[in-house]
């Protein structure tokens, strides 16, 4: 991060990062669809999600106060961490300790499309922090923790604090785009679009993987087992699914 802004007293800004990840797979039979969902459900169970979120908490310099987790039947999991950052301020001859309480949550939604044999694994992560902590520094870690075909991110700063002259500060760090906090090598692999509302301190970025290696999207199937026409049909279905999720609308009727 750039140099810190000198503030008077506490920084009570609330910074929220909502992070949605989609992983798409092709399974050629209904049984394989269910097997894939079971596989991905096991890979991203609550135990592993807790490890991801506790690492994230360490990265932003916060402390875990409480962990709540749940695995669901038939699939899916949820994890919530209550976290805190202790900050100190000197007012006159008094030293005041202030505990900024925040939270991190993650939910998974494995599902499949019975007609196109496409299975989608969606992960929703929300990080809400108070004070000087910003969750943007964890973006590369979060992207790398999951197989991400499509990513949508929203970052919002609410509230205000004051500088040493008493002037209100509604944003305590410089930002023009969420993309500025993502590794350049990662960005090269994706098409990325920004929709930002600077007057509201609201930033939105969505990303879609540029290149599709079909073998990476086949479950229990080798790409060379499939005739060329079938490969083309699968590639078409995969790309249509990804474009619709990226665009946020039904373009092809799926």
Foldseek 3Di string as FASTA:
>chain_A
DPDFAAFAPFFFKKKKKKKKFKDKFAEPAPVLLVVVQVVVQVVDDFVVVVVLVVVLCVVQPKAWDDKDKDADPPGKIKIKTWIWDWDWDDDPNDIDIDIWIWMKMKIWDWDADNPLRMIMIMMIIMTMTTTPGYSLLCVQVVPVVDPGQKMKMKMFMDDWGAHPVRDTDRDGDDDDASVVNYDPVVVVQWDKDWDADVVRRMIMMMIGGDDDDNCVRYGPDDPVVDDPVVSVSSVVVVVQVRVCVRVVHNDPPD
